[in-house]
Amino acid sequence: MGDVSPPERCDWCHQPIAQRPGAGRPRRFCSQAHRQRAYEARRWADAHDVPADQSIVSATDLAVLGDRIYRLEAAVEDVRADLAASSGPVAYRSAFDHLLEAVEDLVGTAIEPVSR
């Protein structure tokens, strides 16, 4: 198996960043807007004594993420129970489909720090 490193991610939104070939520092942000938001958030955090390893996020974003994680946890429990009761290709396909549906809710989920 080849040595494949995970893609670099934006320091603001954590989406993958395509690095430019050649010399120079690796990109840290996917856009100038995210670079600016990160700068503003750092300045705001410094002014309000927020530690560097912490972020302030909206309660709504956090609740949405919590709901999606709960749905995934419930799907895992369902799959465990279903596969304990029955096995075989049809049961595994059904379990896979159920988990995939729950995971798809999390794909693309991004929680951005509050910058002001």
Protein backbone atom coordinates (compact mmCIF):
# COMPACT_ATOMS: atom_id res chain seq x y z
CA MET A 1 0.00 0.00 0.00
CA GLY A 2 1.43 3.42 -0.98
CA ASP A 3 2.25 6.12 1.51
CA VAL A 4 -0.59 8.59 1.02
CA SER A 5 -0.68 11.53 3.39
CA PRO A 6 -3.99 13.19 4.23
CA PRO A 7 -4.68 16.45 2.38
CA GLU A 8 -3.78 19.73 4.01
CA ARG A 9 -6.82 21.47 5.48
CA CYS A 10 -7.83 25.10 5.80
CA ASP A 11 -7.02 26.48 9.25
CA TRP A 12 -10.45 28.17 9.27
CA CYS A 13 -13.02 25.80 7.73
CA HIS A 14 -11.00 22.55 7.75
CA GLN A 15 -11.87 21.74 4.15
CA PRO A 16 -9.10 20.16 2.04
CA ILE A 17 -6.73 22.59 0.32
CA ALA A 18 -4.99 21.85 -2.96
CA GLN A 19 -1.35 22.83 -2.49
CA ARG A 20 0.45 24.62 -5.28
CA PRO A 21 3.50 22.83 -6.67
CA GLY A 22 6.92 24.39 -6.36
CA ALA A 23 8.74 26.43 -3.76
CA GLY A 24 7.11 28.41 -1.03
CA ARG A 25 5.24 27.85 2.17
CA PRO A 26 2.27 25.48 2.18
CA ARG A 27 -1.11 27.19 2.00
CA ARG A 28 -2.92 27.40 5.35
CA PHE A 29 -6.24 28.80 4.12
CA CYS A 30 -8.50 27.92 1.21
CA SER A 31 -9.31 31.56 0.49
CA GLN A 32 -8.31 35.11 1.35
CA ALA A 33 -11.66 35.52 3.12
CA HIS A 34 -10.85 32.64 5.50
CA ARG A 35 -7.39 34.05 6.11
CA GLN A 36 -9.03 37.36 7.07
CA ARG A 37 -11.63 35.69 9.30
CA ALA A 38 -8.90 33.79 11.14
CA TYR A 39 -6.95 37.02 11.65
CA GLU A 40 -10.04 38.80 13.01
CA ALA A 41 -10.86 35.86 15.28
CA ARG A 42 -7.30 35.79 16.68
CA ARG A 43 -7.42 39.53 17.39
CA TRP A 44 -10.84 39.22 19.05
CA ALA A 45 -9.68 36.22 21.11
CA ASP A 46 -6.55 38.09 22.22
CA ALA A 47 -8.64 41.10 23.25
CA HIS A 48 -10.95 38.88 25.31
CA ASP A 49 -8.31 36.54 26.78
CA VAL A 50 -9.60 33.44 25.00
CA PRO A 51 -6.84 30.77 25.17
CA ALA A 52 -5.20 29.89 21.83
CA ASP A 53 -6.44 26.28 21.96
CA GLN A 54 -10.09 27.28 22.35
CA SER A 55 -12.72 28.69 20.00
CA ILE A 56 -16.06 30.32 20.51
CA VAL A 57 -18.73 28.81 18.28
CA SER A 58 -22.42 29.54 17.97
CA ALA A 59 -24.78 27.49 20.10
CA THR A 60 -26.84 26.73 16.99
CA ASP A 61 -23.86 25.25 15.11
CA LEU A 62 -22.92 23.19 18.16
CA ALA A 63 -26.50 21.91 18.55
CA VAL A 64 -26.67 20.91 14.87
CA LEU A 65 -23.40 18.99 15.19
CA GLY A 66 -24.61 17.32 18.39
CA ASP A 67 -27.84 16.23 16.68
CA ARG A 68 -25.95 14.76 13.73
CA ILE A 69 -23.53 12.89 15.98
CA TYR A 70 -26.45 11.55 18.03
CA ARG A 71 -28.10 10.30 14.83
CA LEU A 72 -24.90 8.48 13.86
CA GLU A 73 -24.59 6.94 17.34
CA ALA A 74 -28.20 5.74 17.15
CA ALA A 75 -27.56 4.25 13.70
CA VAL A 76 -24.55 2.35 15.05
CA GLU A 77 -26.69 0.93 17.87
CA ASP A 78 -29.41 -0.05 15.36
CA VAL A 79 -26.88 -1.80 13.13
CA ARG A 80 -25.35 -3.71 16.05
CA ALA A 81 -28.79 -4.94 17.11
CA ASP A 82 -29.85 -5.81 13.56
CA LEU A 83 -26.65 -7.74 12.79
CA ALA A 84 -26.84 -9.60 16.11
CA ALA A 85 -30.30 -10.83 15.10
CA SER A 86 -29.49 -11.66 11.49
CA SER A 87 -26.51 -11.93 9.17
CA GLY A 88 -25.83 -12.46 5.52
CA PRO A 89 -25.39 -10.23 2.50
CA VAL A 90 -28.88 -8.68 2.67
CA ALA A 91 -28.55 -7.82 6.38
CA TYR A 92 -25.08 -6.34 5.87
CA ARG A 93 -26.24 -4.30 2.86
CA SER A 94 -29.16 -2.95 4.86
CA ALA A 95 -26.83 -2.10 7.75
CA PHE A 96 -24.42 -0.36 5.40
CA ASP A 97 -27.21 1.70 3.83
CA HIS A 98 -28.49 2.73 7.28
CA LEU A 99 -25.01 3.84 8.41
CA LEU A 100 -24.32 5.60 5.13
CA GLU A 101 -27.50 7.64 5.45
CA ALA A 102 -26.52 8.74 8.97
CA VAL A 103 -22.94 9.54 7.96
CA GLU A 104 -24.04 11.61 4.97
CA ASP A 105 -25.54 14.11 7.43
CA LEU A 106 -22.02 14.78 8.72
CA VAL A 107 -20.33 15.12 5.33
CA GLY A 108 -19.52 18.74 4.71
CA THR A 109 -20.41 19.83 8.23
CA ALA A 110 -18.24 22.74 9.22
CA ILE A 111 -18.38 24.78 12.38
CA GLU A 112 -16.67 28.10 12.03
CA PRO A 113 -15.48 30.01 15.06
CA VAL A 114 -17.34 33.20 15.85
CA SER A 115 -15.06 36.05 14.88
CA ARG A 116 -16.89 38.89 16.64
